[in-house]
Amino acid sequence: MCLAVPGKVMEIEERDGTRMATVDFGGVVKEVCLEYVPDLAVGEYAIVHVGFALQRLDEESARRTLALFEELGLLQEEFGDPWEAAAGQDEPQAQEARK
């Protein structure tokens, strides 16, 4: 599943002519492109989808949404370690092959 997730802008810099931000998604930190929301500032929240900030969001809504996603396990699903997930998927097949 691919969600649009609220995150808090922690730092902004320009890289190769593109505004980029370090964004905190309830403890998971990712790099995000700010080209669609160029006036976003440090400390503000945004809805982020596939690495792009799409719109500004108020802090209360962001916190409620992050808490709900956490409760439902959606943050782990969205931001979990892809290598760990792949290894876990292979394990039942590997065990079956050994039988």
PDB file of N, CA and C in Angstrom:
ATOM      1  N   MET A   1       0.855  -1.167   0.000  1.00  0.00           N
ATOM      2  CA  MET A   1       0.000   0.000   0.000  1.00  0.00           C
ATOM      3  C   MET A   1       0.903   1.233   0.000  1.00  0.00           C
ATOM      4  N   CYS A   2       0.474   2.268  -0.635  1.00  0.00           N
ATOM      5  CA  CYS A   2       1.254   3.499  -0.695  1.00  0.00           C
ATOM      6  C   CYS A   2       0.379   4.639  -0.173  1.00  0.00           C
ATOM      7  N   LEU A   3       0.721   5.138   1.005  1.00  0.00           N
ATOM      8  CA  LEU A   3      -0.087   6.160   1.661  1.00  0.00           C
ATOM      9  C   LEU A   3       0.494   7.547   1.481  1.00  0.00           C
ATOM     10  N   ALA A   4      -0.344   8.546   1.621  1.00  0.00           N
ATOM     11  CA  ALA A   4       0.118   9.924   1.794  1.00  0.00           C
ATOM     12  C   ALA A   4       0.180  10.119   3.301  1.00  0.00           C
ATOM     13  N   VAL A   5       1.361  10.429   3.819  1.00  0.00           N
ATOM     14  CA  VAL A   5       1.606  10.449   5.254  1.00  0.00           C
ATOM     15  C   VAL A   5       2.009  11.854   5.693  1.00  0.00           C
ATOM     16  N   PRO A   6       1.468  12.336   6.822  1.00  0.00           N
ATOM     17  CA  PRO A   6       1.884  13.647   7.321  1.00  0.00           C
ATOM     18  C   PRO A   6       3.258  13.562   7.977  1.00  0.00           C
ATOM     19  N   GLY A   7       4.057  14.600   7.767  1.00  0.00           N
ATOM     20  CA  GLY A   7       5.374  14.657   8.386  1.00  0.00           C
ATOM     21  C   GLY A   7       5.747  16.089   8.719  1.00  0.00           C
ATOM     22  N   LYS A   8       6.666  16.230   9.672  1.00  0.00           N
ATOM     23  CA  LYS A   8       7.116  17.547  10.112  1.00  0.00           C
ATOM     24  C   LYS A   8       8.455  17.875   9.454  1.00  0.00           C
ATOM     25  N   VAL A   9       8.540  19.061   8.861  1.00  0.00           N
ATOM     26  CA  VAL A   9       9.757  19.512   8.202  1.00  0.00           C
ATOM     27  C   VAL A   9      10.774  19.891   9.273  1.00  0.00           C
ATOM     28  N   MET A  10      11.921  19.226   9.255  1.00  0.00           N
ATOM     29  CA  MET A  10      12.964  19.457  10.249  1.00  0.00           C
ATOM     30  C   MET A  10      14.078  20.356   9.715  1.00  0.00           C
ATOM     31  N   GLU A  11      14.349  20.257   8.421  1.00  0.00           N
ATOM     32  CA  GLU A  11      15.448  21.003   7.813  1.00  0.00           C
ATOM     33  C   GLU A  11      15.165  21.154   6.323  1.00  0.00           C
ATOM     34  N   ILE A  12      15.568  22.288   5.757  1.00  0.00           N
ATOM     35  CA  ILE A  12      15.372  22.536   4.320  1.00  0.00           C
ATOM     36  C   ILE A  12      16.703  22.951   3.717  1.00  0.00           C
ATOM     37  N   GLU A  13      16.965  22.417   2.529  1.00  0.00           N
ATOM     38  CA  GLU A  13      18.155  22.821   1.784  1.00  0.00           C
ATOM     39  C   GLU A  13      17.872  22.711   0.285  1.00  0.00           C
ATOM     40  N   GLU A  14      18.706  23.364  -0.485  1.00  0.00           N
ATOM     41  CA  GLU A  14      18.571  23.264  -1.934  1.00  0.00           C
ATOM     42  C   GLU A  14      19.656  22.331  -2.443  1.00  0.00           C
ATOM     43  N   ARG A  15      19.236  21.364  -3.262  1.00  0.00           N
ATOM     44  CA  ARG A  15      20.178  20.418  -3.854  1.00  0.00           C
ATOM     45  C   ARG A  15      19.987  20.404  -5.354  1.00  0.00           C
ATOM     46  N   ASP A  16      21.012  20.787  -6.067  1.00  0.00           N
ATOM     47  CA  ASP A  16      20.961  20.794  -7.537  1.00  0.00           C
ATOM     48  C   ASP A  16      19.745  21.559  -8.053  1.00  0.00           C
ATOM     49  N   GLY A  17      19.433  22.683  -7.402  1.00  0.00           N
ATOM     50  CA  GLY A  17      18.329  23.527  -7.835  1.00  0.00           C
ATOM     51  C   GLY A  17      16.957  23.071  -7.382  1.00  0.00           C
ATOM     52  N   THR A  18      16.897  22.070  -6.506  1.00  0.00           N
ATOM     53  CA  THR A  18      15.619  21.542  -6.022  1.00  0.00           C
ATOM     54  C   THR A  18      15.544  21.714  -4.511  1.00  0.00           C
ATOM     55  N   ARG A  19      14.419  22.274  -4.015  1.00  0.00           N
ATOM     56  CA  ARG A  19      14.224  22.397  -2.564  1.00  0.00           C
ATOM     57  C   ARG A  19      13.912  21.022  -1.987  1.00  0.00           C
ATOM     58  N   MET A  20      14.741  20.609  -1.039  1.00  0.00           N
ATOM     59  CA  MET A  20      14.579  19.315  -0.390  1.00  0.00           C
ATOM     60  C   MET A  20      14.478  19.529   1.115  1.00  0.00           C
ATOM     61  N   ALA A  21      13.770  18.633   1.791  1.00  0.00           N
ATOM     62  CA  ALA A  21      13.616  18.741   3.237  1.00  0.00           C
ATOM     63  C   ALA A  21      13.879  17.406   3.900  1.00  0.00           C
ATOM     64  N   THR A  22      14.354  17.489   5.122  1.00  0.00           N
ATOM     65  CA  THR A  22      14.409  16.326   5.996  1.00  0.00           C
ATOM     66  C   THR A  22      13.099  16.368   6.770  1.00  0.00           C
ATOM     67  N   VAL A  23      12.313  15.291   6.674  1.00  0.00           N
ATOM     68  CA  VAL A  23      10.971  15.267   7.260  1.00  0.00           C
ATOM     69  C   VAL A  23      10.861  14.095   8.227  1.00  0.00           C
ATOM     70  N   ASP A  24      10.276  14.376   9.393  1.00  0.00           N
ATOM     71  CA  ASP A  24      10.075  13.375  10.436  1.00  0.00           C
ATOM     72  C   ASP A  24       8.634  12.878  10.380  1.00  0.00           C
ATOM     73  N   PHE A  25       8.479  11.572  10.173  1.00  0.00           N
ATOM     74  CA  PHE A  25       7.164  10.929  10.128  1.00  0.00           C
ATOM     75  C   PHE A  25       6.980  10.117  11.406  1.00  0.00           C
ATOM     76  N   GLY A  26       6.843  10.793  12.533  1.00  0.00           N
ATOM     77  CA  GLY A  26       6.636  10.094  13.799  1.00  0.00           C
ATOM     78  C   GLY A  26       7.805   9.207  14.187  1.00  0.00           C
ATOM     79  N   GLY A  27       9.015   9.660  13.925  1.00  0.00           N
ATOM     80  CA  GLY A  27      10.210   8.899  14.293  1.00  0.00           C
ATOM     81  C   GLY A  27      10.972   8.341  13.109  1.00  0.00           C
ATOM     82  N   VAL A  28      10.343   8.243  11.979  1.00  0.00           N
ATOM     83  CA  VAL A  28      11.010   7.807  10.751  1.00  0.00           C
ATOM     84  C   VAL A  28      11.356   9.067   9.959  1.00  0.00           C
ATOM     85  N   VAL A  29      12.632   9.238   9.635  1.00  0.00           N
ATOM     86  CA  VAL A  29      13.081  10.450   8.951  1.00  0.00           C
ATOM     87  C   VAL A  29      13.440  10.122   7.509  1.00  0.00           C
ATOM     88  N   LYS A  30      12.904  10.921   6.588  1.00  0.00           N
ATOM     89  CA  LYS A  30      13.140  10.717   5.152  1.00  0.00           C
ATOM     90  C   LYS A  30      13.428  12.049   4.475  1.00  0.00           C
ATOM     91  N   GLU A  31      14.035  11.975   3.301  1.00  0.00           N
ATOM     92  CA  GLU A  31      14.249  13.153   2.467  1.00  0.00           C
ATOM     93  C   GLU A  31      13.034  13.323   1.558  1.00  0.00           C
ATOM     94  N   VAL A  32      12.567  14.569   1.416  1.00  0.00           N
ATOM     95  CA  VAL A  32      11.337  14.856   0.679  1.00  0.00           C
ATOM     96  C   VAL A  32      11.557  16.064  -0.233  1.00  0.00           C
ATOM     97  N   CYS A  33      11.003  16.007  -1.427  1.00  0.00           N
ATOM     98  CA  CYS A  33      11.058  17.126  -2.367  1.00  0.00           C
ATOM     99  C   CYS A  33       9.945  18.125  -2.045  1.00  0.00           C
ATOM    100  N   LEU A  34      10.296  19.422  -2.023  1.00  0.00           N
ATOM    101  CA  LEU A  34       9.319  20.464  -1.688  1.00  0.00           C
ATOM    102  C   LEU A  34       8.858  21.273  -2.899  1.00  0.00           C
ATOM    103  N   GLU A  35       9.125  20.821  -4.091  1.00  0.00           N
ATOM    104  CA  GLU A  35       8.808  21.604  -5.278  1.00  0.00           C
ATOM    105  C   GLU A  35       7.316  21.900  -5.445  1.00  0.00           C
ATOM    106  N   TYR A  36       6.435  21.039  -4.939  1.00  0.00           N
ATOM    107  CA  TYR A  36       4.989  21.285  -5.068  1.00  0.00           C
ATOM    108  C   TYR A  36       4.452  22.220  -3.984  1.00  0.00           C
ATOM    109  N   VAL A  37       5.244  22.409  -2.912  1.00  0.00           N
ATOM    110  CA  VAL A  37       4.860  23.308  -1.822  1.00  0.00           C
ATOM    111  C   VAL A  37       6.091  24.166  -1.497  1.00  0.00           C
ATOM    112  N   PRO A  38       6.455  25.060  -2.402  1.00  0.00           N
ATOM    113  CA  PRO A  38       7.732  25.775  -2.275  1.00  0.00           C
ATOM    114  C   PRO A  38       7.844  26.715  -1.071  1.00  0.00           C
ATOM    115  N   ASP A  39       6.714  27.131  -0.495  1.00  0.00           N
ATOM    116  CA  ASP A  39       6.783  28.057   0.637  1.00  0.00           C
ATOM    117  C   ASP A  39       6.717  27.347   1.994  1.00  0.00           C
ATOM    118  N   LEU A  40       6.777  26.033   2.012  1.00  0.00           N
ATOM    119  CA  LEU A  40       6.770  25.280   3.255  1.00  0.00           C
ATOM    120  C   LEU A  40       8.017  25.631   4.066  1.00  0.00           C
ATOM    121  N   ALA A  41       7.850  25.781   5.388  1.00  0.00           N
ATOM    122  CA  ALA A  41       8.953  26.207   6.249  1.00  0.00           C
ATOM    123  C   ALA A  41       9.271  25.146   7.305  1.00  0.00           C
ATOM    124  N   VAL A  42      10.463  25.237   7.877  1.00  0.00           N
ATOM    125  CA  VAL A  42      10.870  24.348   8.961  1.00  0.00           C
ATOM    126  C   VAL A  42       9.859  24.478  10.093  1.00  0.00           C
ATOM    127  N   GLY A  43       9.460  23.323  10.640  1.00  0.00           N
ATOM    128  CA  GLY A  43       8.492  23.298  11.733  1.00  0.00           C
ATOM    129  C   GLY A  43       7.068  23.073  11.276  1.00  0.00           C
ATOM    130  N   GLU A  44       6.800  23.251   9.986  1.00  0.00           N
ATOM    131  CA  GLU A  44       5.448  23.018   9.464  1.00  0.00           C
ATOM    132  C   GLU A  44       5.283  21.543   9.090  1.00  0.00           C
ATOM    133  N   TYR A  45       4.027  21.157   8.930  1.00  0.00           N
ATOM    134  CA  TYR A  45       3.689  19.781   8.551  1.00  0.00           C
ATOM    135  C   TYR A  45       3.176  19.764   7.121  1.00  0.00           C
ATOM    136  N   ALA A  46       3.408  18.636   6.452  1.00  0.00           N
ATOM    137  CA  ALA A  46       2.928  18.465   5.078  1.00  0.00           C
ATOM    138  C   ALA A  46       2.476  17.027   4.883  1.00  0.00           C
ATOM    139  N   ILE A  47       1.566  16.858   3.945  1.00  0.00           N
ATOM    140  CA  ILE A  47       1.190  15.530   3.486  1.00  0.00           C
ATOM    141  C   ILE A  47       2.214  15.138   2.422  1.00  0.00           C
ATOM    142  N   VAL A  48       2.830  13.956   2.590  1.00  0.00           N
ATOM    143  CA  VAL A  48       3.886  13.506   1.684  1.00  0.00           C
ATOM    144  C   VAL A  48       3.475  12.189   1.041  1.00  0.00           C
ATOM    145  N   HIS A  49       3.662  12.111  -0.266  1.00  0.00           N
ATOM    146  CA  HIS A  49       3.365  10.889  -1.011  1.00  0.00           C
ATOM    147  C   HIS A  49       4.516  10.625  -1.971  1.00  0.00           C
ATOM    148  N   VAL A  50       5.033   9.425  -1.941  1.00  0.00           N
ATOM    149  CA  VAL A  50       6.166   8.975  -2.764  1.00  0.00           C
ATOM    150  C   VAL A  50       7.303   9.991  -2.836  1.00  0.00           C
ATOM    151  N   GLY A  51       7.637  10.576  -1.687  1.00  0.00           N
ATOM    152  CA  GLY A  51       8.779  11.472  -1.608  1.00  0.00           C
ATOM    153  C   GLY A  51       8.530  12.915  -1.980  1.00  0.00           C
ATOM    154  N   PHE A  52       7.273  13.295  -2.214  1.00  0.00           N
ATOM    155  CA  PHE A  52       6.926  14.675  -2.568  1.00  0.00           C
ATOM    156  C   PHE A  52       5.930  15.242  -1.567  1.00  0.00           C
ATOM    157  N   ALA A  53       6.238  16.425  -1.025  1.00  0.00           N
ATOM    158  CA  ALA A  53       5.281  17.133  -0.184  1.00  0.00           C
ATOM    159  C   ALA A  53       4.186  17.663  -1.105  1.00  0.00           C
ATOM    160  N   LEU A  54       2.931  17.347  -0.788  1.00  0.00           N
ATOM    161  CA  LEU A  54       1.821  17.724  -1.669  1.00  0.00           C
ATOM    162  C   LEU A  54       1.010  18.901  -1.155  1.00  0.00           C
ATOM    163  N   GLN A  55       0.879  19.016   0.173  1.00  0.00           N
ATOM    164  CA  GLN A  55       0.133  20.148   0.728  1.00  0.00           C
ATOM    165  C   GLN A  55       0.481  20.338   2.195  1.00  0.00           C
ATOM    166  N   ARG A  56       0.299  21.547   2.675  1.00  0.00           N
ATOM    167  CA  ARG A  56       0.530  21.903   4.073  1.00  0.00           C
ATOM    168  C   ARG A  56      -0.598  21.312   4.917  1.00  0.00           C
ATOM    169  N   LEU A  57      -0.283  20.987   6.167  1.00  0.00           N
ATOM    170  CA  LEU A  57      -1.259  20.406   7.076  1.00  0.00           C
ATOM    171  C   LEU A  57      -1.026  21.006   8.460  1.00  0.00           C
ATOM    172  N   ASP A  58      -2.117  21.267   9.194  1.00  0.00           N
ATOM    173  CA  ASP A  58      -1.950  21.813  10.540  1.00  0.00           C
ATOM    174  C   ASP A  58      -1.430  20.721  11.478  1.00  0.00           C
ATOM    175  N   GLU A  59      -0.756  21.156  12.533  1.00  0.00           N
ATOM    176  CA  GLU A  59      -0.081  20.226  13.441  1.00  0.00           C
ATOM    177  C   GLU A  59      -1.043  19.244  14.109  1.00  0.00           C
ATOM    178  N   GLU A  60      -2.182  19.705  14.557  1.00  0.00           N
ATOM    179  CA  GLU A  60      -3.134  18.818  15.233  1.00  0.00           C
ATOM    180  C   GLU A  60      -3.600  17.690  14.309  1.00  0.00           C
ATOM    181  N   SER A  61      -3.951  18.029  13.087  1.00  0.00           N
ATOM    182  CA  SER A  61      -4.378  16.999  12.120  1.00  0.00           C
ATOM    183  C   SER A  61      -3.256  16.023  11.822  1.00  0.00           C
ATOM    184  N   ALA A  62      -2.035  16.539  11.696  1.00  0.00           N
ATOM    185  CA  ALA A  62      -0.882  15.681  11.418  1.00  0.00           C
ATOM    186  C   ALA A  62      -0.655  14.695  12.558  1.00  0.00           C
ATOM    187  N   ARG A  63      -0.690  15.194  13.792  1.00  0.00           N
ATOM    188  CA  ARG A  63      -0.458  14.327  14.949  1.00  0.00           C
ATOM    189  C   ARG A  63      -1.551  13.268  15.100  1.00  0.00           C
ATOM    190  N   ARG A  64      -2.805  13.666  14.900  1.00  0.00           N
ATOM    191  CA  ARG A  64      -3.904  12.694  14.988  1.00  0.00           C
ATOM    192  C   ARG A  64      -3.756  11.612  13.926  1.00  0.00           C
ATOM    193  N   THR A  65      -3.420  12.023  12.710  1.00  0.00           N
ATOM    194  CA  THR A  65      -3.277  11.058  11.617  1.00  0.00           C
ATOM    195  C   THR A  65      -2.114  10.114  11.870  1.00  0.00           C
ATOM    196  N   LEU A  66      -0.969  10.645  12.317  1.00  0.00           N
ATOM    197  CA  LEU A  66       0.185   9.790  12.620  1.00  0.00           C
ATOM    198  C   LEU A  66      -0.143   8.795  13.731  1.00  0.00           C
ATOM    199  N   ALA A  67      -0.865   9.246  14.759  1.00  0.00           N
ATOM    200  CA  ALA A  67      -1.245   8.356  15.860  1.00  0.00           C
ATOM    201  C   ALA A  67      -2.164   7.241  15.356  1.00  0.00           C
ATOM    202  N   LEU A  68      -3.100   7.580  14.503  1.00  0.00           N
ATOM    203  CA  LEU A  68      -4.001   6.579  13.948  1.00  0.00           C
ATOM    204  C   LEU A  68      -3.246   5.588  13.069  1.00  0.00           C
ATOM    205  N   PHE A  69      -2.367   6.087  12.202  1.00  0.00           N
ATOM    206  CA  PHE A  69      -1.561   5.206  11.344  1.00  0.00           C
ATOM    207  C   PHE A  69      -0.718   4.263  12.195  1.00  0.00           C
ATOM    208  N   GLU A  70      -0.136   4.800  13.282  1.00  0.00           N
ATOM    209  CA  GLU A  70       0.691   3.981  14.181  1.00  0.00           C
ATOM    210  C   GLU A  70      -0.165   2.883  14.810  1.00  0.00           C
ATOM    211  N   GLU A  71      -1.337   3.260  15.298  1.00  0.00           N
ATOM    212  CA  GLU A  71      -2.248   2.308  15.940  1.00  0.00           C
ATOM    213  C   GLU A  71      -2.646   1.182  14.983  1.00  0.00           C
ATOM    214  N   LEU A  72      -2.851   1.523  13.730  1.00  0.00           N
ATOM    215  CA  LEU A  72      -3.267   0.543  12.734  1.00  0.00           C
ATOM    216  C   LEU A  72      -2.095  -0.232  12.121  1.00  0.00           C
ATOM    217  N   GLY A  73      -0.875   0.146  12.500  1.00  0.00           N
ATOM    218  CA  GLY A  73       0.298  -0.535  11.961  1.00  0.00           C
ATOM    219  C   GLY A  73       0.671  -0.091  10.563  1.00  0.00           C
ATOM    220  N   LEU A  74       0.093   1.020  10.105  1.00  0.00           N
ATOM    221  CA  LEU A  74       0.336   1.457   8.734  1.00  0.00           C
ATOM    222  C   LEU A  74       1.697   2.123   8.552  1.00  0.00           C
ATOM    223  N   LEU A  75       2.241   2.726   9.619  1.00  0.00           N
ATOM    224  CA  LEU A  75       3.563   3.348   9.484  1.00  0.00           C
ATOM    225  C   LEU A  75       4.626   2.277   9.250  1.00  0.00           C
ATOM    226  N   GLN A  76       4.540   1.164   9.984  1.00  0.00           N
ATOM    227  CA  GLN A  76       5.506   0.083   9.774  1.00  0.00           C
ATOM    228  C   GLN A  76       5.351  -0.490   8.367  1.00  0.00           C
ATOM    229  N   GLU A  77       4.111  -0.629   7.930  1.00  0.00           N
ATOM    230  CA  GLU A  77       3.865  -1.148   6.586  1.00  0.00           C
ATOM    231  C   GLU A  77       4.432  -0.206   5.528  1.00  0.00           C
ATOM    232  N   GLU A  78       4.252   1.088   5.738  1.00  0.00           N
ATOM    233  CA  GLU A  78       4.701   2.083   4.759  1.00  0.00           C
ATOM    234  C   GLU A  78       6.207   2.303   4.822  1.00  0.00           C
ATOM    235  N   PHE A  79       6.783   2.360   6.041  1.00  0.00           N
ATOM    236  CA  PHE A  79       8.189   2.719   6.193  1.00  0.00           C
ATOM    237  C   PHE A  79       9.069   1.591   6.684  1.00  0.00           C
ATOM    238  N   GLY A  80       8.509   0.394   6.849  1.00  0.00           N
ATOM    239  CA  GLY A  80       9.315  -0.715   7.347  1.00  0.00           C
ATOM    240  C   GLY A  80      10.508  -0.986   6.447  1.00  0.00           C
ATOM    241  N   ASP A  81      11.456  -1.703   6.975  1.00  0.00           N
ATOM    242  CA  ASP A  81      12.664  -2.042   6.244  1.00  0.00           C
ATOM    243  C   ASP A  81      12.326  -2.988   5.092  1.00  0.00           C
ATOM    244  N   PRO A  82      12.517  -2.563   3.826  1.00  0.00           N
ATOM    245  CA  PRO A  82      12.161  -3.423   2.701  1.00  0.00           C
ATOM    246  C   PRO A  82      13.000  -4.694   2.653  1.00  0.00           C
ATOM    247  N   TRP A  83      14.252  -4.640   3.128  1.00  0.00           N
ATOM    248  CA  TRP A  83      15.103  -5.838   3.141  1.00  0.00           C
ATOM    249  C   TRP A  83      14.581  -6.834   4.167  1.00  0.00           C
ATOM    250  N   GLU A  84      14.151  -6.323   5.309  1.00  0.00           N
ATOM    251  CA  GLU A  84      13.594  -7.186   6.343  1.00  0.00           C
ATOM    252  C   GLU A  84      12.301  -7.839   5.844  1.00  0.00           C
ATOM    253  N   ALA A  85      11.473  -7.041   5.187  1.00  0.00           N
ATOM    254  CA  ALA A  85      10.214  -7.566   4.655  1.00  0.00           C
ATOM    255  C   ALA A  85      10.479  -8.641   3.600  1.00  0.00           C
ATOM    256  N   ALA A  86      11.436  -8.384   2.723  1.00  0.00           N
ATOM    257  CA  ALA A  86      11.765  -9.365   1.675  1.00  0.00           C
ATOM    258  C   ALA A  86      12.313 -10.640   2.294  1.00  0.00           C
ATOM    259  N   ALA A  87      13.160 -10.509   3.300  1.00  0.00           N
ATOM    260  CA  ALA A  87      13.725 -11.685   3.963  1.00  0.00           C
ATOM    261  C   ALA A  87      12.626 -12.494   4.635  1.00  0.00           C
ATOM    262  N   GLY A  88      11.676 -11.806   5.249  1.00  0.00           N
ATOM    263  CA  GLY A  88      10.566 -12.487   5.906  1.00  0.00           C
ATOM    264  C   GLY A  88       9.671 -13.218   4.932  1.00  0.00           C
ATOM    265  N   GLN A  89       9.499 -12.682   3.744  1.00  0.00           N
ATOM    266  CA  GLN A  89       8.668 -13.326   2.733  1.00  0.00           C
ATOM    267  C   GLN A  89       9.343 -14.564   2.178  1.00  0.00           C
ATOM    268  N   ASP A  90      10.655 -14.541   2.087  1.00  0.00           N
ATOM    269  CA  ASP A  90      11.388 -15.671   1.541  1.00  0.00           C
ATOM    270  C   ASP A  90      11.470 -16.832   2.513  1.00  0.00           C
ATOM    271  N   GLU A  91      11.401 -16.553   3.800  1.00  0.00           N
ATOM    272  CA  GLU A  91      11.618 -17.575   4.811  1.00  0.00           C
ATOM    273  C   GLU A  91      10.671 -18.768   4.680  1.00  0.00           C
ATOM    274  N   PRO A  92       9.345 -18.584   4.561  1.00  0.00           N
ATOM    275  CA  PRO A  92       8.467 -19.758   4.426  1.00  0.00           C
ATOM    276  C   PRO A  92       8.789 -20.569   3.177  1.00  0.00           C
ATOM    277  N   GLN A  93       9.131 -19.927   2.076  1.00  0.00           N
ATOM    278  CA  GLN A  93       9.467 -20.640   0.845  1.00  0.00           C
ATOM    279  C   GLN A  93      10.753 -21.440   1.032  1.00  0.00           C
ATOM    280  N   ALA A  94      11.744 -20.835   1.713  1.00  0.00           N
ATOM    281  CA  ALA A  94      13.007 -21.518   1.939  1.00  0.00           C
ATOM    282  C   ALA A  94      12.797 -22.736   2.842  1.00  0.00           C
ATOM    283  N   GLN A  95      11.967 -22.603   3.873  1.00  0.00           N
ATOM    284  CA  GLN A  95      11.697 -23.726   4.762  1.00  0.00           C
ATOM    285  C   GLN A  95      10.985 -24.833   4.017  1.00  0.00           C
ATOM    286  N   GLU A  96      10.040 -24.492   3.169  1.00  0.00           N
ATOM    287  CA  GLU A  96       9.282 -25.476   2.395  1.00  0.00           C
ATOM    288  C   GLU A  96      10.215 -26.209   1.438  1.00  0.00           C
ATOM    289  N   ALA A  97      11.158 -25.487   0.838  1.00  0.00           N
ATOM    290  CA  ALA A  97      12.092 -26.103  -0.109  1.00  0.00           C
ATOM    291  C   ALA A  97      13.023 -27.097   0.578  1.00  0.00           C
ATOM    292  N   ARG A  98      13.319 -26.856   1.864  1.00  0.00           N
ATOM    293  CA  ARG A  98      14.221 -27.749   2.602  1.00  0.00           C
ATOM    294  C   ARG A  98      13.563 -29.075   2.969  1.00  0.00           C
ATOM    295  N   LYS A  99      12.255 -29.127   2.960  1.00  0.00           N
ATOM    296  CA  LYS A  99      11.526 -30.357   3.370  1.00  0.00           C
ATOM    297  C   LYS A  99      11.661 -31.457   2.361  1.00  0.00           C
TER     298      LYS A  99
END
